[in-house]
Amino acid sequence: MTRKKDGFTPARAKNAIAVAKVLGPVVLPVVTPYVVQGAAAVRDRWDRRRARKLGVSVDDLGQYSGRGGVLHARIAGAATGLNELRTKENATSDELAFADSAESTLHQLAAAVRAAERMPTPRRKAAHRAVATELDRIEERLLTALGI
């Protein structure tokens, strides 16, 4: 007569623990470096994906963390674009005036995003939407001025 296996019993648990005590010290030093290397590769891919999504370099990723990180990255990108507009060879006086006014607006938007970090969720989301709307307006005008 064959006996039906009952699944995981206390006796099988004892046997599994005994096997782990014997094999653990032998297998663990061999496997650990590969596990650590794999974890580092996964983290590197995750960081690169986040940086690409934000439009920043991996080295700058730490500056754009938190709930307002995406907005801070957009503000930094717009500031870079304004600097390019200022150095453009055939920039008109209107474009330079826009760059000056937009730069002060970007400073205010960055302050608003920092302040929103400590707000309750509904207020923070409303503040982030308002900042995003203003950034959309600035970025649209900047792209037009840069001829894109």
C-alpha atoms as a PDB file:
ATOM      1  CA  MET A   1       0.000   0.000   0.000  1.00  0.00           C
ATOM      2  CA  THR A   2       1.336   3.416  -0.881  1.00  0.00           C
ATOM      3  CA  ARG A   3       1.013   6.180   1.600  1.00  0.00           C
ATOM      4  CA  LYS A   4      -0.262   9.557   0.498  1.00  0.00           C
ATOM      5  CA  LYS A   5       2.100  12.495   1.169  1.00  0.00           C
ATOM      6  CA  ASP A   6       0.633  14.862   3.718  1.00  0.00           C
ATOM      7  CA  GLY A   7       2.527  17.974   2.633  1.00  0.00           C
ATOM      8  CA  PHE A   8       4.825  19.905   4.925  1.00  0.00           C
ATOM      9  CA  THR A   9       5.020  18.137   8.302  1.00  0.00           C
ATOM     10  CA  PRO A  10       7.112  18.944  11.384  1.00  0.00           C
ATOM     11  CA  ALA A  11       9.442  16.061  10.536  1.00  0.00           C
ATOM     12  CA  ARG A  12      10.016  17.413   7.035  1.00  0.00           C
ATOM     13  CA  ALA A  13      10.634  20.868   8.468  1.00  0.00           C
ATOM     14  CA  LYS A  14      13.332  19.419  10.761  1.00  0.00           C
ATOM     15  CA  ASN A  15      14.936  17.672   7.814  1.00  0.00           C
ATOM     16  CA  ALA A  16      14.905  20.862   5.729  1.00  0.00           C
ATOM     17  CA  ILE A  17      16.530  22.811   8.560  1.00  0.00           C
ATOM     18  CA  ALA A  18      19.204  20.147   8.982  1.00  0.00           C
ATOM     19  CA  VAL A  19      19.992  20.224   5.264  1.00  0.00           C
ATOM     20  CA  ALA A  20      20.144  24.032   5.305  1.00  0.00           C
ATOM     21  CA  LYS A  21      22.553  23.959   8.267  1.00  0.00           C
ATOM     22  CA  VAL A  22      24.896  21.679   6.345  1.00  0.00           C
ATOM     23  CA  LEU A  23      24.639  23.236   2.889  1.00  0.00           C
ATOM     24  CA  GLY A  24      24.214  26.875   3.939  1.00  0.00           C
ATOM     25  CA  PRO A  25      27.832  27.559   4.929  1.00  0.00           C
ATOM     26  CA  VAL A  26      29.036  25.937   1.708  1.00  0.00           C
ATOM     27  CA  VAL A  27      26.574  27.468  -0.761  1.00  0.00           C
ATOM     28  CA  LEU A  28      26.122  30.936   0.747  1.00  0.00           C
ATOM     29  CA  PRO A  29      29.668  32.263   0.088  1.00  0.00           C
ATOM     30  CA  VAL A  30      29.462  31.049  -3.499  1.00  0.00           C
ATOM     31  CA  VAL A  31      26.016  32.496  -4.242  1.00  0.00           C
ATOM     32  CA  THR A  32      26.222  35.821  -2.340  1.00  0.00           C
ATOM     33  CA  PRO A  33      28.473  37.711  -4.805  1.00  0.00           C
ATOM     34  CA  TYR A  34      26.121  36.861  -7.682  1.00  0.00           C
ATOM     35  CA  VAL A  35      23.072  37.965  -5.713  1.00  0.00           C
ATOM     36  CA  VAL A  36      24.753  41.262  -4.804  1.00  0.00           C
ATOM     37  CA  GLN A  37      25.868  41.811  -8.397  1.00  0.00           C
ATOM     38  CA  GLY A  38      22.362  41.100  -9.668  1.00  0.00           C
ATOM     39  CA  ALA A  39      20.826  43.504  -7.155  1.00  0.00           C
ATOM     40  CA  ALA A  40      23.293  46.223  -8.192  1.00  0.00           C
ATOM     41  CA  ALA A  41      22.437  45.693 -11.865  1.00  0.00           C
ATOM     42  CA  VAL A  42      18.709  45.939 -11.145  1.00  0.00           C
ATOM     43  CA  ARG A  43      19.230  49.135  -9.129  1.00  0.00           C
ATOM     44  CA  ASP A  44      21.354  50.636 -11.915  1.00  0.00           C
ATOM     45  CA  ARG A  45      18.662  49.888 -14.502  1.00  0.00           C
ATOM     46  CA  TRP A  46      15.997  51.375 -12.243  1.00  0.00           C
ATOM     47  CA  ASP A  47      18.022  54.558 -11.730  1.00  0.00           C
ATOM     48  CA  ARG A  48      18.708  54.912 -15.464  1.00  0.00           C
ATOM     49  CA  ARG A  49      15.014  54.463 -16.233  1.00  0.00           C
ATOM     50  CA  ARG A  50      14.005  57.100 -13.686  1.00  0.00           C
ATOM     51  CA  ALA A  51      16.665  59.516 -14.960  1.00  0.00           C
ATOM     52  CA  ARG A  52      15.568  59.024 -18.563  1.00  0.00           C
ATOM     53  CA  LYS A  53      11.937  59.551 -17.537  1.00  0.00           C
ATOM     54  CA  LEU A  54      12.833  62.824 -15.786  1.00  0.00           C
ATOM     55  CA  GLY A  55      15.165  63.941 -18.571  1.00  0.00           C
ATOM     56  CA  VAL A  56      18.222  64.292 -16.320  1.00  0.00           C
ATOM     57  CA  SER A  57      21.506  62.464 -15.931  1.00  0.00           C
ATOM     58  CA  VAL A  58      21.846  59.588 -13.483  1.00  0.00           C
ATOM     59  CA  ASP A  59      24.315  61.657 -11.443  1.00  0.00           C
ATOM     60  CA  ASP A  60      21.706  64.407 -10.959  1.00  0.00           C
ATOM     61  CA  LEU A  61      18.902  62.022 -10.058  1.00  0.00           C
ATOM     62  CA  GLY A  62      19.225  62.637  -6.313  1.00  0.00           C
ATOM     63  CA  GLN A  63      18.422  66.314  -6.751  1.00  0.00           C
ATOM     64  CA  TYR A  64      15.020  65.494  -8.224  1.00  0.00           C
ATOM     65  CA  SER A  65      13.556  63.169  -5.625  1.00  0.00           C
ATOM     66  CA  GLY A  66      10.364  63.520  -3.666  1.00  0.00           C
ATOM     67  CA  ARG A  67       6.858  64.262  -4.825  1.00  0.00           C
ATOM     68  CA  GLY A  68       7.904  67.438  -6.614  1.00  0.00           C
ATOM     69  CA  GLY A  69      10.933  65.852  -8.279  1.00  0.00           C
ATOM     70  CA  VAL A  70       9.372  65.799 -11.735  1.00  0.00           C
ATOM     71  CA  LEU A  71       8.494  69.479 -11.487  1.00  0.00           C
ATOM     72  CA  HIS A  72      11.974  70.377 -10.228  1.00  0.00           C
ATOM     73  CA  ALA A  73      13.464  68.534 -13.222  1.00  0.00           C
ATOM     74  CA  ARG A  74      11.169  70.421 -15.602  1.00  0.00           C
ATOM     75  CA  ILE A  75      12.097  73.731 -13.973  1.00  0.00           C
ATOM     76  CA  ALA A  76      15.802  72.935 -14.340  1.00  0.00           C
ATOM     77  CA  GLY A  77      15.272  71.980 -17.985  1.00  0.00           C
ATOM     78  CA  ALA A  78      13.406  75.216 -18.666  1.00  0.00           C
ATOM     79  CA  ALA A  79      16.195  77.209 -16.974  1.00  0.00           C
ATOM     80  CA  THR A  80      18.728  75.521 -19.245  1.00  0.00           C
ATOM     81  CA  GLY A  81      16.583  76.392 -22.256  1.00  0.00           C
ATOM     82  CA  LEU A  82      16.394  80.028 -21.151  1.00  0.00           C
ATOM     83  CA  ASN A  83      20.189  80.158 -20.932  1.00  0.00           C
ATOM     84  CA  GLU A  84      20.386  78.771 -24.465  1.00  0.00           C
ATOM     85  CA  LEU A  85      17.913  81.431 -25.606  1.00  0.00           C
ATOM     86  CA  ARG A  86      20.085  84.168 -24.090  1.00  0.00           C
ATOM     87  CA  THR A  87      23.173  82.889 -25.902  1.00  0.00           C
ATOM     88  CA  LYS A  88      21.356  82.501 -29.225  1.00  0.00           C
ATOM     89  CA  GLU A  89      23.047  84.660 -31.868  1.00  0.00           C
ATOM     90  CA  ASN A  90      19.938  86.246 -33.344  1.00  0.00           C
ATOM     91  CA  ALA A  91      17.895  86.604 -30.125  1.00  0.00           C
ATOM     92  CA  THR A  92      15.529  89.563 -30.245  1.00  0.00           C
ATOM     93  CA  SER A  93      14.997  91.999 -27.404  1.00  0.00           C
ATOM     94  CA  ASP A  94      11.532  90.486 -26.839  1.00  0.00           C
ATOM     95  CA  GLU A  95      13.066  87.035 -26.458  1.00  0.00           C
ATOM     96  CA  LEU A  96      15.655  88.343 -24.002  1.00  0.00           C
ATOM     97  CA  ALA A  97      12.930  90.113 -22.014  1.00  0.00           C
ATOM     98  CA  PHE A  98      10.934  86.877 -21.978  1.00  0.00           C
ATOM     99  CA  ALA A  99      14.016  85.007 -20.719  1.00  0.00           C
ATOM    100  CA  ASP A 100      14.431  87.479 -17.850  1.00  0.00           C
ATOM    101  CA  SER A 101      10.777  87.386 -16.807  1.00  0.00           C
ATOM    102  CA  ALA A 102      10.559  83.602 -17.190  1.00  0.00           C
ATOM    103  CA  GLU A 103      13.659  83.121 -15.047  1.00  0.00           C
ATOM    104  CA  SER A 104      12.097  85.006 -12.144  1.00  0.00           C
ATOM    105  CA  THR A 105       8.907  82.992 -12.640  1.00  0.00           C
ATOM    106  CA  LEU A 106      10.932  79.757 -12.525  1.00  0.00           C
ATOM    107  CA  HIS A 107      12.457  80.807  -9.189  1.00  0.00           C
ATOM    108  CA  GLN A 108       8.960  81.399  -7.829  1.00  0.00           C
ATOM    109  CA  LEU A 109       7.735  78.071  -9.184  1.00  0.00           C
ATOM    110  CA  ALA A 110      10.653  76.224  -7.595  1.00  0.00           C
ATOM    111  CA  ALA A 111       9.838  77.861  -4.258  1.00  0.00           C
ATOM    112  CA  ALA A 112       6.186  76.875  -4.659  1.00  0.00           C
ATOM    113  CA  VAL A 113       7.122  73.241  -5.328  1.00  0.00           C
ATOM    114  CA  ARG A 114       9.390  73.168  -2.266  1.00  0.00           C
ATOM    115  CA  ALA A 115       6.622  74.681  -0.123  1.00  0.00           C
ATOM    116  CA  ALA A 116       4.073  72.197  -1.479  1.00  0.00           C
ATOM    117  CA  GLU A 117       6.142  69.269  -0.164  1.00  0.00           C
ATOM    118  CA  ARG A 118       4.828  69.961   3.337  1.00  0.00           C
ATOM    119  CA  MET A 119       1.207  70.553   2.360  1.00  0.00           C
ATOM    120  CA  PRO A 120      -1.637  68.091   2.799  1.00  0.00           C
ATOM    121  CA  THR A 121      -2.168  65.905  -0.250  1.00  0.00           C
ATOM    122  CA  PRO A 122      -5.122  67.749  -1.859  1.00  0.00           C
ATOM    123  CA  ARG A 123      -3.432  71.142  -1.525  1.00  0.00           C
ATOM    124  CA  ARG A 124      -0.094  69.753  -2.729  1.00  0.00           C
ATOM    125  CA  LYS A 125      -1.714  68.241  -5.812  1.00  0.00           C
ATOM    126  CA  ALA A 126      -3.500  71.511  -6.574  1.00  0.00           C
ATOM    127  CA  ALA A 127      -0.242  73.444  -6.191  1.00  0.00           C
ATOM    128  CA  HIS A 128       1.589  70.964  -8.429  1.00  0.00           C
ATOM    129  CA  ARG A 129      -1.132  71.268 -11.091  1.00  0.00           C
ATOM    130  CA  ALA A 130      -0.852  75.065 -11.009  1.00  0.00           C
ATOM    131  CA  VAL A 131       2.943  74.896 -11.305  1.00  0.00           C
ATOM    132  CA  ALA A 132       2.691  72.384 -14.162  1.00  0.00           C
ATOM    133  CA  THR A 133       0.264  74.646 -16.020  1.00  0.00           C
ATOM    134  CA  GLU A 134       2.597  77.621 -15.692  1.00  0.00           C
ATOM    135  CA  LEU A 135       5.558  75.476 -16.778  1.00  0.00           C
ATOM    136  CA  ASP A 136       3.611  74.342 -19.844  1.00  0.00           C
ATOM    137  CA  ARG A 137       3.092  77.976 -20.806  1.00  0.00           C
ATOM    138  CA  ILE A 138       6.771  78.859 -20.313  1.00  0.00           C
ATOM    139  CA  GLU A 139       8.015  75.768 -22.160  1.00  0.00           C
ATOM    140  CA  GLU A 140       5.692  76.394 -25.095  1.00  0.00           C
ATOM    141  CA  ARG A 141       6.885  79.970 -25.480  1.00  0.00           C
ATOM    142  CA  LEU A 142      10.509  78.911 -25.011  1.00  0.00           C
ATOM    143  CA  LEU A 143      10.253  76.295 -27.740  1.00  0.00           C
ATOM    144  CA  THR A 144       8.730  78.871 -30.067  1.00  0.00           C
ATOM    145  CA  ALA A 145      11.544  81.318 -29.307  1.00  0.00           C
ATOM    146  CA  LEU A 146      14.155  78.622 -29.946  1.00  0.00           C
ATOM    147  CA  GLY A 147      12.500  77.789 -33.272  1.00  0.00           C
ATOM    148  CA  ILE A 148      11.397  74.279 -32.416  1.00  0.00           C
END
